[in-house]
Amino acid sequence: MENKLSLEEQFSSKLTNWLANKVVLSEVEQAKISYGLSFTLISVVKVSLIYASSILLGILLETLIMHTVFCILRKYSRGFHAKSSFNCGAVGVICFSFLPGLIKLSEYGISDKQVLVVAIICTIILYFRAPANTVKNQVTDKKQRRILKSKALAANLILFVLIFITLEHSEKLLAVSGLVVASILTLPLEKILWRNEK
């Protein structure tokens, strides 16, 4: 059974075909352009959903704190991806719009000792799991793995220090939540969630 293309992938494919009719492109160039357009459109749609939701909920700053911290660590730690862009967008809205909204409404914070405990747990996870391989994103080169692991651990440490010394209690919880989500996504979730699938 063939996987159906998302709307973004269909649009990028049509745009690439239109461009190929106007300019002479090789098959490889067409594939690169189509992939780049598709990736960009999917990313723009997902980010737009997250921030539109956060604006509607009145939590733009909270979303920005959590999402920024997540993205910085995620760049190096890699990890689990949803099976479709729709699922990824939905999870993104839940994690970066609804969760920060709940934190703001509850007025929960996190103490310095709790930040330290979470920092240790995240560091342990990243030490053993980063950069996390997925079915579509394999990092097999040992040197590249060492570099990415070092960067993930360094980013984790720097972010936790900044969180510790610059943010207030509720803001600390938001930022720490972003790091926790990025760390959890390095765990072998594909094997756990889809172990019965071929």
N, C-alpha and C. Protein backbone atom coordinates (compact mmCIF):
# COMPACT_ATOMS: atom_id res chain seq x y z
N MET A 1 0.84 -1.19 0.00
CA MET A 1 0.00 0.00 0.00
C MET A 1 0.88 1.25 0.00
N GLU A 2 0.65 2.16 -0.94
CA GLU A 2 1.46 3.36 -1.07
C GLU A 2 1.06 4.37 -0.02
N ASN A 3 2.08 5.09 0.49
CA ASN A 3 1.80 6.17 1.42
C ASN A 3 1.28 7.37 0.65
N LYS A 4 0.19 7.96 1.15
CA LYS A 4 -0.35 9.14 0.49
C LYS A 4 0.51 10.34 0.83
N LEU A 5 0.69 11.24 -0.14
CA LEU A 5 1.46 12.44 0.08
C LEU A 5 0.62 13.44 0.87
N SER A 6 1.27 14.19 1.75
CA SER A 6 0.58 15.25 2.48
C SER A 6 0.29 16.39 1.52
N LEU A 7 -0.55 17.32 1.94
CA LEU A 7 -0.88 18.48 1.10
C LEU A 7 0.37 19.27 0.75
N GLU A 8 1.27 19.42 1.73
CA GLU A 8 2.50 20.16 1.49
C GLU A 8 3.36 19.46 0.44
N GLU A 9 3.44 18.13 0.53
CA GLU A 9 4.24 17.36 -0.44
C GLU A 9 3.62 17.43 -1.83
N GLN A 10 2.29 17.37 -1.91
CA GLN A 10 1.61 17.49 -3.20
C GLN A 10 1.87 18.86 -3.82
N PHE A 11 1.79 19.91 -3.00
CA PHE A 11 2.01 21.27 -3.48
C PHE A 11 3.45 21.44 -3.97
N SER A 12 4.42 20.94 -3.18
CA SER A 12 5.83 21.08 -3.58
C SER A 12 6.12 20.30 -4.85
N SER A 13 5.47 19.15 -5.02
CA SER A 13 5.65 18.34 -6.23
C SER A 13 5.13 19.08 -7.45
N LYS A 14 3.93 19.68 -7.32
CA LYS A 14 3.36 20.44 -8.43
C LYS A 14 4.21 21.67 -8.77
N LEU A 15 4.70 22.34 -7.73
CA LEU A 15 5.53 23.52 -7.94
C LEU A 15 6.86 23.15 -8.62
N THR A 16 7.42 22.02 -8.21
CA THR A 16 8.67 21.54 -8.82
C THR A 16 8.45 21.17 -10.28
N ASN A 17 7.33 20.50 -10.58
CA ASN A 17 7.02 20.14 -11.96
C ASN A 17 6.83 21.38 -12.82
N TRP A 18 6.16 22.40 -12.27
CA TRP A 18 5.96 23.65 -12.99
C TRP A 18 7.31 24.31 -13.27
N LEU A 19 8.18 24.31 -12.24
CA LEU A 19 9.50 24.91 -12.39
C LEU A 19 10.34 24.15 -13.42
N ALA A 20 10.22 22.83 -13.40
CA ALA A 20 10.97 21.99 -14.34
C ALA A 20 10.55 22.25 -15.78
N ASN A 21 9.29 22.64 -15.99
CA ASN A 21 8.82 22.98 -17.33
C ASN A 21 9.36 24.33 -17.80
N LYS A 22 9.69 25.20 -16.84
CA LYS A 22 10.20 26.54 -17.19
C LYS A 22 11.72 26.55 -17.33
N VAL A 23 12.37 25.72 -16.50
CA VAL A 23 13.84 25.68 -16.48
C VAL A 23 14.27 24.23 -16.67
N VAL A 24 15.35 24.03 -17.40
CA VAL A 24 15.84 22.67 -17.60
C VAL A 24 16.51 22.18 -16.32
N LEU A 25 15.94 21.12 -15.73
CA LEU A 25 16.47 20.55 -14.49
C LEU A 25 16.69 19.05 -14.67
N SER A 26 17.75 18.56 -14.06
CA SER A 26 17.96 17.11 -14.07
C SER A 26 17.02 16.48 -13.04
N GLU A 27 16.91 15.16 -13.11
CA GLU A 27 16.05 14.46 -12.15
C GLU A 27 16.54 14.66 -10.72
N VAL A 28 17.84 14.67 -10.54
CA VAL A 28 18.43 14.87 -9.21
C VAL A 28 18.10 16.27 -8.70
N GLU A 29 18.23 17.28 -9.56
CA GLU A 29 17.91 18.66 -9.17
C GLU A 29 16.43 18.79 -8.82
N GLN A 30 15.58 18.14 -9.63
CA GLN A 30 14.14 18.16 -9.35
C GLN A 30 13.84 17.54 -7.99
N ALA A 31 14.47 16.41 -7.70
CA ALA A 31 14.25 15.72 -6.43
C ALA A 31 14.70 16.58 -5.25
N LYS A 32 15.87 17.25 -5.41
CA LYS A 32 16.37 18.12 -4.34
C LYS A 32 15.44 19.30 -4.09
N ILE A 33 14.98 19.92 -5.17
CA ILE A 33 14.07 21.06 -5.04
C ILE A 33 12.76 20.63 -4.41
N SER A 34 12.22 19.50 -4.86
CA SER A 34 10.95 19.00 -4.33
C SER A 34 11.08 18.70 -2.84
N TYR A 35 12.18 18.04 -2.45
CA TYR A 35 12.40 17.71 -1.05
C TYR A 35 12.53 18.98 -0.20
N GLY A 36 13.32 19.93 -0.69
CA GLY A 36 13.53 21.19 0.04
C GLY A 36 12.24 21.97 0.22
N LEU A 37 11.45 22.07 -0.86
CA LEU A 37 10.17 22.77 -0.78
C LEU A 37 9.21 22.07 0.18
N SER A 38 9.15 20.76 0.08
CA SER A 38 8.27 19.97 0.93
C SER A 38 8.64 20.15 2.40
N PHE A 39 9.93 20.04 2.70
CA PHE A 39 10.41 20.19 4.08
C PHE A 39 10.09 21.58 4.62
N THR A 40 10.34 22.61 3.79
CA THR A 40 10.09 23.99 4.21
C THR A 40 8.61 24.23 4.47
N LEU A 41 7.75 23.78 3.54
CA LEU A 41 6.31 23.98 3.70
C LEU A 41 5.76 23.26 4.93
N ILE A 42 6.20 22.03 5.14
CA ILE A 42 5.75 21.26 6.30
C ILE A 42 6.17 21.97 7.59
N SER A 43 7.41 22.45 7.63
CA SER A 43 7.91 23.15 8.82
C SER A 43 7.13 24.43 9.08
N VAL A 44 6.87 25.20 8.01
CA VAL A 44 6.13 26.46 8.16
C VAL A 44 4.71 26.20 8.67
N VAL A 45 4.06 25.18 8.13
CA VAL A 45 2.69 24.85 8.56
C VAL A 45 2.68 24.45 10.04
N LYS A 46 3.62 23.59 10.45
CA LYS A 46 3.67 23.13 11.84
C LYS A 46 3.93 24.28 12.80
N VAL A 47 4.92 25.12 12.48
CA VAL A 47 5.25 26.25 13.35
C VAL A 47 4.08 27.24 13.39
N SER A 48 3.44 27.45 12.25
CA SER A 48 2.28 28.36 12.21
C SER A 48 1.15 27.85 13.11
N LEU A 49 0.90 26.54 13.07
CA LEU A 49 -0.14 25.96 13.95
C LEU A 49 0.19 26.17 15.42
N ILE A 50 1.43 25.92 15.79
CA ILE A 50 1.86 26.07 17.19
C ILE A 50 1.69 27.51 17.65
N TYR A 51 2.19 28.46 16.86
CA TYR A 51 2.17 29.85 17.31
C TYR A 51 0.80 30.50 17.15
N ALA A 52 0.01 30.07 16.17
CA ALA A 52 -1.37 30.57 16.07
C ALA A 52 -2.17 30.12 17.30
N SER A 53 -1.98 28.85 17.70
CA SER A 53 -2.65 28.34 18.90
C SER A 53 -2.21 29.10 20.14
N SER A 54 -0.92 29.37 20.24
CA SER A 54 -0.42 30.06 21.43
C SER A 54 -0.92 31.51 21.48
N ILE A 55 -1.05 32.15 20.33
CA ILE A 55 -1.60 33.52 20.30
C ILE A 55 -3.06 33.50 20.73
N LEU A 56 -3.82 32.53 20.21
CA LEU A 56 -5.24 32.42 20.59
C LEU A 56 -5.40 32.16 22.09
N LEU A 57 -4.48 31.39 22.66
CA LEU A 57 -4.54 31.07 24.09
C LEU A 57 -3.88 32.13 24.96
N GLY A 58 -3.26 33.12 24.34
CA GLY A 58 -2.63 34.21 25.09
C GLY A 58 -1.35 33.78 25.81
N ILE A 59 -0.61 32.85 25.21
CA ILE A 59 0.61 32.33 25.86
C ILE A 59 1.80 32.36 24.92
N LEU A 60 1.90 33.39 24.12
CA LEU A 60 2.97 33.46 23.12
C LEU A 60 4.36 33.39 23.77
N LEU A 61 4.58 34.16 24.84
CA LEU A 61 5.89 34.17 25.50
C LEU A 61 6.22 32.79 26.07
N GLU A 62 5.23 32.16 26.69
CA GLU A 62 5.45 30.84 27.29
C GLU A 62 5.81 29.80 26.22
N THR A 63 5.10 29.85 25.10
CA THR A 63 5.39 28.95 23.98
C THR A 63 6.78 29.22 23.43
N LEU A 64 7.12 30.48 23.30
CA LEU A 64 8.43 30.87 22.75
C LEU A 64 9.57 30.34 23.63
N ILE A 65 9.41 30.45 24.95
CA ILE A 65 10.45 29.96 25.87
C ILE A 65 10.63 28.46 25.70
N MET A 66 9.54 27.71 25.80
CA MET A 66 9.62 26.25 25.76
C MET A 66 10.09 25.74 24.39
N HIS A 67 9.55 26.31 23.34
CA HIS A 67 9.86 25.86 21.98
C HIS A 67 11.30 26.18 21.59
N THR A 68 11.79 27.34 21.98
CA THR A 68 13.16 27.74 21.65
C THR A 68 14.17 26.79 22.30
N VAL A 69 13.96 26.53 23.59
CA VAL A 69 14.85 25.62 24.32
C VAL A 69 14.81 24.22 23.68
N PHE A 70 13.61 23.75 23.36
CA PHE A 70 13.45 22.45 22.72
C PHE A 70 14.22 22.38 21.40
N CYS A 71 14.05 23.39 20.55
CA CYS A 71 14.66 23.39 19.22
C CYS A 71 16.18 23.40 19.29
N ILE A 72 16.74 24.15 20.25
CA ILE A 72 18.21 24.20 20.39
C ILE A 72 18.76 22.82 20.70
N LEU A 73 18.16 22.13 21.69
CA LEU A 73 18.65 20.80 22.06
C LEU A 73 18.34 19.77 20.98
N ARG A 74 17.17 19.86 20.39
CA ARG A 74 16.73 18.90 19.38
C ARG A 74 17.66 18.88 18.16
N LYS A 75 18.24 20.04 17.85
CA LYS A 75 19.15 20.14 16.70
C LYS A 75 20.29 19.13 16.80
N TYR A 76 20.78 18.90 18.01
CA TYR A 76 21.92 18.00 18.21
C TYR A 76 21.52 16.62 18.72
N SER A 77 20.45 16.55 19.48
CA SER A 77 20.07 15.27 20.09
C SER A 77 19.31 14.37 19.12
N ARG A 78 18.67 15.00 18.10
CA ARG A 78 17.87 14.27 17.11
C ARG A 78 16.75 13.48 17.80
N GLY A 79 16.26 12.41 17.17
CA GLY A 79 15.31 11.55 17.83
C GLY A 79 14.00 11.33 17.11
N PHE A 80 13.05 10.81 17.85
CA PHE A 80 11.76 10.34 17.36
C PHE A 80 11.02 11.37 16.52
N HIS A 81 10.42 10.89 15.43
CA HIS A 81 9.55 11.71 14.59
C HIS A 81 8.21 11.01 14.44
N ALA A 82 7.14 11.79 14.41
CA ALA A 82 5.82 11.22 14.17
C ALA A 82 5.77 10.64 12.76
N LYS A 83 4.80 9.74 12.54
CA LYS A 83 4.71 9.08 11.23
C LYS A 83 4.19 10.00 10.12
N SER A 84 3.46 11.04 10.50
CA SER A 84 2.93 11.95 9.48
C SER A 84 3.09 13.38 9.96
N SER A 85 3.09 14.32 9.01
CA SER A 85 3.22 15.73 9.38
C SER A 85 2.00 16.19 10.18
N PHE A 86 0.83 15.59 9.92
CA PHE A 86 -0.37 15.93 10.69
C PHE A 86 -0.18 15.56 12.16
N ASN A 87 0.30 14.32 12.40
CA ASN A 87 0.53 13.88 13.78
C ASN A 87 1.58 14.74 14.46
N CYS A 88 2.63 15.09 13.72
CA CYS A 88 3.69 15.92 14.27
C CYS A 88 3.14 17.30 14.66
N GLY A 89 2.31 17.86 13.78
CA GLY A 89 1.69 19.16 14.06
C GLY A 89 0.80 19.11 15.28
N ALA A 90 0.01 18.03 15.39
CA ALA A 90 -0.89 17.88 16.53
C ALA A 90 -0.11 17.75 17.84
N VAL A 91 0.94 16.94 17.82
CA VAL A 91 1.78 16.77 19.02
C VAL A 91 2.48 18.09 19.36
N GLY A 92 2.91 18.81 18.32
CA GLY A 92 3.55 20.11 18.54
C GLY A 92 2.62 21.09 19.23
N VAL A 93 1.37 21.14 18.79
CA VAL A 93 0.38 22.03 19.42
C VAL A 93 0.15 21.63 20.87
N ILE A 94 0.04 20.33 21.12
CA ILE A 94 -0.18 19.85 22.50
C ILE A 94 1.02 20.20 23.39
N CYS A 95 2.23 19.91 22.90
CA CYS A 95 3.44 20.14 23.70
C CYS A 95 3.78 21.61 23.88
N PHE A 96 3.61 22.41 22.82
CA PHE A 96 4.12 23.77 22.86
C PHE A 96 3.04 24.86 22.94
N SER A 97 1.77 24.45 22.94
CA SER A 97 0.69 25.42 23.15
C SER A 97 -0.12 25.06 24.39
N PHE A 98 -0.67 23.84 24.41
CA PHE A 98 -1.53 23.45 25.54
C PHE A 98 -0.74 23.24 26.83
N LEU A 99 0.42 22.58 26.75
CA LEU A 99 1.23 22.35 27.95
C LEU A 99 1.70 23.67 28.57
N PRO A 100 2.27 24.60 27.80
CA PRO A 100 2.62 25.89 28.40
C PRO A 100 1.39 26.63 28.96
N GLY A 101 0.24 26.45 28.29
CA GLY A 101 -0.99 27.06 28.80
C GLY A 101 -1.37 26.51 30.17
N LEU A 102 -1.25 25.19 30.33
CA LEU A 102 -1.55 24.55 31.62
C LEU A 102 -0.57 25.02 32.70
N ILE A 103 0.71 25.14 32.32
CA ILE A 103 1.71 25.61 33.29
C ILE A 103 1.40 27.03 33.73
N LYS A 104 1.01 27.87 32.77
CA LYS A 104 0.67 29.26 33.12
C LYS A 104 -0.57 29.33 34.00
N LEU A 105 -1.61 28.55 33.64
CA LEU A 105 -2.85 28.56 34.43
C LEU A 105 -2.63 28.03 35.84
N SER A 106 -1.84 26.98 35.97
CA SER A 106 -1.64 26.35 37.27
C SER A 106 -0.68 27.15 38.15
N GLU A 107 0.11 28.02 37.51
CA GLU A 107 1.11 28.82 38.21
C GLU A 107 2.13 27.95 38.94
N TYR A 108 2.35 26.73 38.42
CA TYR A 108 3.38 25.87 38.99
C TYR A 108 4.75 26.43 38.63
N GLY A 109 5.70 26.15 39.51
CA GLY A 109 7.08 26.51 39.25
C GLY A 109 7.96 25.31 39.52
N ILE A 110 9.25 25.54 39.49
CA ILE A 110 10.20 24.47 39.77
C ILE A 110 11.33 25.07 40.58
N SER A 111 11.73 24.38 41.64
CA SER A 111 12.79 24.88 42.51
C SER A 111 14.15 24.61 41.89
N ASP A 112 15.16 25.27 42.43
CA ASP A 112 16.52 25.08 41.93
C ASP A 112 16.98 23.63 42.11
N LYS A 113 16.61 23.01 43.22
CA LYS A 113 16.97 21.61 43.45
C LYS A 113 16.32 20.70 42.42
N GLN A 114 15.05 20.98 42.10
CA GLN A 114 14.35 20.18 41.09
C GLN A 114 14.99 20.37 39.71
N VAL A 115 15.40 21.60 39.39
CA VAL A 115 16.10 21.86 38.13
C VAL A 115 17.36 21.02 38.05
N LEU A 116 18.10 20.96 39.16
CA LEU A 116 19.33 20.18 39.20
C LEU A 116 19.07 18.69 38.98
N VAL A 117 18.03 18.15 39.62
CA VAL A 117 17.68 16.74 39.45
C VAL A 117 17.31 16.44 38.00
N VAL A 118 16.48 17.30 37.41
CA VAL A 118 16.07 17.11 36.01
C VAL A 118 17.27 17.24 35.08
N ALA A 119 18.18 18.16 35.39
CA ALA A 119 19.40 18.33 34.58
C ALA A 119 20.22 17.05 34.57
N ILE A 120 20.35 16.41 35.72
CA ILE A 120 21.12 15.17 35.81
C ILE A 120 20.44 14.07 35.00
N ILE A 121 19.12 13.95 35.13
CA ILE A 121 18.37 12.91 34.39
C ILE A 121 18.51 13.12 32.88
N CYS A 122 18.32 14.37 32.42
CA CYS A 122 18.43 14.66 30.98
C CYS A 122 19.84 14.39 30.47
N THR A 123 20.84 14.74 31.28
CA THR A 123 22.23 14.51 30.89
C THR A 123 22.51 13.02 30.72
N ILE A 124 21.99 12.21 31.64
CA ILE A 124 22.17 10.75 31.55
C ILE A 124 21.51 10.21 30.28
N ILE A 125 20.27 10.65 30.03
CA ILE A 125 19.56 10.20 28.82
C ILE A 125 20.34 10.58 27.57
N LEU A 126 20.79 11.83 27.50
CA LEU A 126 21.50 12.30 26.31
C LEU A 126 22.86 11.61 26.15
N TYR A 127 23.51 11.32 27.27
CA TYR A 127 24.81 10.65 27.20
C TYR A 127 24.68 9.28 26.52
N PHE A 128 23.62 8.56 26.86
CA PHE A 128 23.44 7.22 26.31
C PHE A 128 22.68 7.20 24.97
N ARG A 129 21.87 8.21 24.69
CA ARG A 129 20.99 8.15 23.53
C ARG A 129 21.30 9.14 22.40
N ALA A 130 21.90 10.28 22.70
CA ALA A 130 22.12 11.30 21.66
C ALA A 130 23.38 10.98 20.85
N PRO A 131 23.38 11.25 19.55
CA PRO A 131 22.23 11.60 18.73
C PRO A 131 21.41 10.34 18.43
N ALA A 132 20.12 10.44 18.62
CA ALA A 132 19.25 9.27 18.47
C ALA A 132 19.00 8.96 17.00
N ASN A 133 19.19 7.71 16.63
CA ASN A 133 18.89 7.27 15.27
C ASN A 133 17.40 6.95 15.15
N THR A 134 16.85 7.27 14.00
CA THR A 134 15.49 6.87 13.67
C THR A 134 15.53 6.12 12.35
N VAL A 135 14.41 5.58 11.95
CA VAL A 135 14.35 4.82 10.71
C VAL A 135 14.82 5.67 9.52
N LYS A 136 14.39 6.93 9.48
CA LYS A 136 14.70 7.79 8.34
C LYS A 136 15.94 8.64 8.54
N ASN A 137 16.44 8.71 9.77
CA ASN A 137 17.56 9.60 10.05
C ASN A 137 18.63 8.86 10.85
N GLN A 138 19.54 8.23 10.13
CA GLN A 138 20.60 7.44 10.75
C GLN A 138 21.91 8.23 10.78
N VAL A 139 22.55 8.26 11.94
CA VAL A 139 23.89 8.83 12.04
C VAL A 139 24.82 7.67 12.34
N THR A 140 25.47 7.16 11.31
CA THR A 140 26.29 5.94 11.46
C THR A 140 27.78 6.24 11.59
N ASP A 141 28.22 7.39 11.11
CA ASP A 141 29.62 7.75 11.19
C ASP A 141 30.00 8.03 12.65
N LYS A 142 31.02 7.29 13.16
CA LYS A 142 31.38 7.38 14.58
C LYS A 142 31.86 8.78 14.97
N LYS A 143 32.62 9.41 14.10
CA LYS A 143 33.12 10.76 14.40
C LYS A 143 31.96 11.75 14.48
N GLN A 144 31.04 11.66 13.51
CA GLN A 144 29.88 12.55 13.51
C GLN A 144 29.02 12.32 14.75
N ARG A 145 28.87 11.05 15.16
CA ARG A 145 28.09 10.73 16.37
C ARG A 145 28.73 11.35 17.60
N ARG A 146 30.07 11.26 17.69
CA ARG A 146 30.77 11.85 18.85
C ARG A 146 30.59 13.36 18.88
N ILE A 147 30.69 13.99 17.71
CA ILE A 147 30.55 15.45 17.63
C ILE A 147 29.14 15.86 18.05
N LEU A 148 28.11 15.18 17.50
CA LEU A 148 26.73 15.51 17.84
C LEU A 148 26.43 15.26 19.32
N LYS A 149 26.96 14.15 19.85
CA LYS A 149 26.77 13.86 21.27
C LYS A 149 27.37 14.96 22.14
N SER A 150 28.60 15.37 21.79
CA SER A 150 29.28 16.44 22.54
C SER A 150 28.48 17.74 22.48
N LYS A 151 27.95 18.05 21.29
CA LYS A 151 27.17 19.28 21.13
C LYS A 151 25.86 19.20 21.91
N ALA A 152 25.21 18.02 21.89
CA ALA A 152 23.96 17.84 22.64
C ALA A 152 24.19 18.02 24.13
N LEU A 153 25.27 17.41 24.64
CA LEU A 153 25.58 17.52 26.07
C LEU A 153 25.96 18.95 26.44
N ALA A 154 26.73 19.61 25.56
CA ALA A 154 27.13 21.01 25.81
C ALA A 154 25.90 21.92 25.80
N ALA A 155 25.03 21.74 24.80
CA ALA A 155 23.81 22.55 24.72
C ALA A 155 22.93 22.34 25.95
N ASN A 156 22.81 21.09 26.36
CA ASN A 156 22.02 20.75 27.54
C ASN A 156 22.58 21.46 28.78
N LEU A 157 23.90 21.40 28.98
CA LEU A 157 24.54 22.04 30.13
C LEU A 157 24.36 23.56 30.09
N ILE A 158 24.64 24.16 28.95
CA ILE A 158 24.54 25.62 28.83
C ILE A 158 23.10 26.08 29.08
N LEU A 159 22.14 25.37 28.49
CA LEU A 159 20.74 25.74 28.68
C LEU A 159 20.31 25.60 30.13
N PHE A 160 20.72 24.53 30.79
CA PHE A 160 20.35 24.37 32.20
C PHE A 160 20.98 25.45 33.07
N VAL A 161 22.21 25.85 32.78
CA VAL A 161 22.86 26.93 33.54
C VAL A 161 22.09 28.24 33.33
N LEU A 162 21.75 28.52 32.07
CA LEU A 162 20.99 29.75 31.78
C LEU A 162 19.62 29.73 32.45
N ILE A 163 18.96 28.58 32.41
CA ILE A 163 17.65 28.44 33.07
C ILE A 163 17.81 28.69 34.57
N PHE A 164 18.84 28.11 35.14
CA PHE A 164 19.09 28.17 36.58
C PHE A 164 19.32 29.61 37.05
N ILE A 165 20.08 30.39 36.28
CA ILE A 165 20.48 31.71 36.77
C ILE A 165 19.63 32.87 36.24
N THR A 166 18.85 32.66 35.16
CA THR A 166 18.17 33.81 34.56
C THR A 166 16.64 33.81 34.68
N LEU A 167 16.02 32.64 34.86
CA LEU A 167 14.57 32.58 34.79
C LEU A 167 13.91 32.47 36.16
N GLU A 168 12.66 32.93 36.22
CA GLU A 168 11.85 32.79 37.44
C GLU A 168 11.26 31.39 37.49
N HIS A 169 10.59 31.04 38.60
CA HIS A 169 10.10 29.68 38.83
C HIS A 169 9.22 29.13 37.70
N SER A 170 8.17 29.87 37.29
CA SER A 170 7.27 29.35 36.25
C SER A 170 7.98 29.30 34.90
N GLU A 171 8.83 30.29 34.62
CA GLU A 171 9.60 30.28 33.38
C GLU A 171 10.61 29.13 33.36
N LYS A 172 11.18 28.85 34.53
CA LYS A 172 12.11 27.71 34.63
C LYS A 172 11.40 26.42 34.26
N LEU A 173 10.18 26.24 34.76
CA LEU A 173 9.43 25.02 34.46
C LEU A 173 9.15 24.90 32.96
N LEU A 174 8.83 26.00 32.31
CA LEU A 174 8.59 25.99 30.87
C LEU A 174 9.85 25.57 30.11
N ALA A 175 10.97 26.20 30.45
CA ALA A 175 12.23 25.92 29.75
C ALA A 175 12.69 24.49 30.01
N VAL A 176 12.60 24.06 31.27
CA VAL A 176 12.98 22.69 31.62
C VAL A 176 12.10 21.69 30.89
N SER A 177 10.81 22.00 30.74
CA SER A 177 9.89 21.11 30.01
C SER A 177 10.34 20.93 28.57
N GLY A 178 10.84 22.00 27.94
CA GLY A 178 11.35 21.90 26.58
C GLY A 178 12.54 20.95 26.49
N LEU A 179 13.43 21.01 27.48
CA LEU A 179 14.58 20.11 27.51
C LEU A 179 14.16 18.68 27.78
N VAL A 180 13.18 18.50 28.65
CA VAL A 180 12.70 17.15 28.97
C VAL A 180 12.07 16.50 27.74
N VAL A 181 11.25 17.26 27.02
CA VAL A 181 10.61 16.73 25.81
C VAL A 181 11.67 16.32 24.78
N ALA A 182 12.68 17.18 24.56
CA ALA A 182 13.74 16.86 23.60
C ALA A 182 14.52 15.62 24.05
N SER A 183 14.77 15.48 25.34
CA SER A 183 15.50 14.31 25.86
C SER A 183 14.68 13.04 25.71
N ILE A 184 13.39 13.11 26.04
CA ILE A 184 12.52 11.93 25.93
C ILE A 184 12.45 11.44 24.49
N LEU A 185 12.46 12.35 23.54
CA LEU A 185 12.37 11.97 22.13
C LEU A 185 13.62 11.25 21.61
N THR A 186 14.69 11.23 22.41
CA THR A 186 15.87 10.45 22.01
C THR A 186 15.73 8.99 22.42
N LEU A 187 14.76 8.67 23.25
CA LEU A 187 14.54 7.28 23.66
C LEU A 187 13.99 6.47 22.48
N PRO A 188 14.12 5.15 22.49
CA PRO A 188 13.69 4.33 21.33
C PRO A 188 12.17 4.20 21.24
N LEU A 189 11.50 5.32 21.03
CA LEU A 189 10.03 5.33 21.01
C LEU A 189 9.46 4.60 19.81
N GLU A 190 10.17 4.63 18.68
CA GLU A 190 9.68 3.91 17.49
C GLU A 190 9.53 2.42 17.79
N LYS A 191 10.52 1.84 18.47
CA LYS A 191 10.45 0.41 18.81
C LYS A 191 9.33 0.13 19.80
N ILE A 192 9.11 1.05 20.74
CA ILE A 192 8.08 0.86 21.76
C ILE A 192 6.68 1.00 21.14
N LEU A 193 6.48 2.07 20.37
CA LEU A 193 5.15 2.37 19.83
C LEU A 193 4.77 1.48 18.65
N TRP A 194 5.76 1.12 17.81
CA TRP A 194 5.44 0.41 16.57
C TRP A 194 6.09 -0.95 16.52
N ARG A 195 6.33 -1.58 17.66
CA ARG A 195 7.06 -2.85 17.69
C ARG A 195 6.31 -3.98 16.99
N ASN A 196 4.97 -3.87 16.90
CA ASN A 196 4.18 -4.94 16.28
C ASN A 196 4.02 -4.75 14.77
N GLU A 197 4.51 -3.62 14.26
CA GLU A 197 4.37 -3.36 12.82
C GLU A 197 5.55 -3.93 12.07
N LYS A 198 5.30 -4.27 10.83
CA LYS A 198 6.37 -4.80 9.99
C LYS A 198 7.25 -3.67 9.52
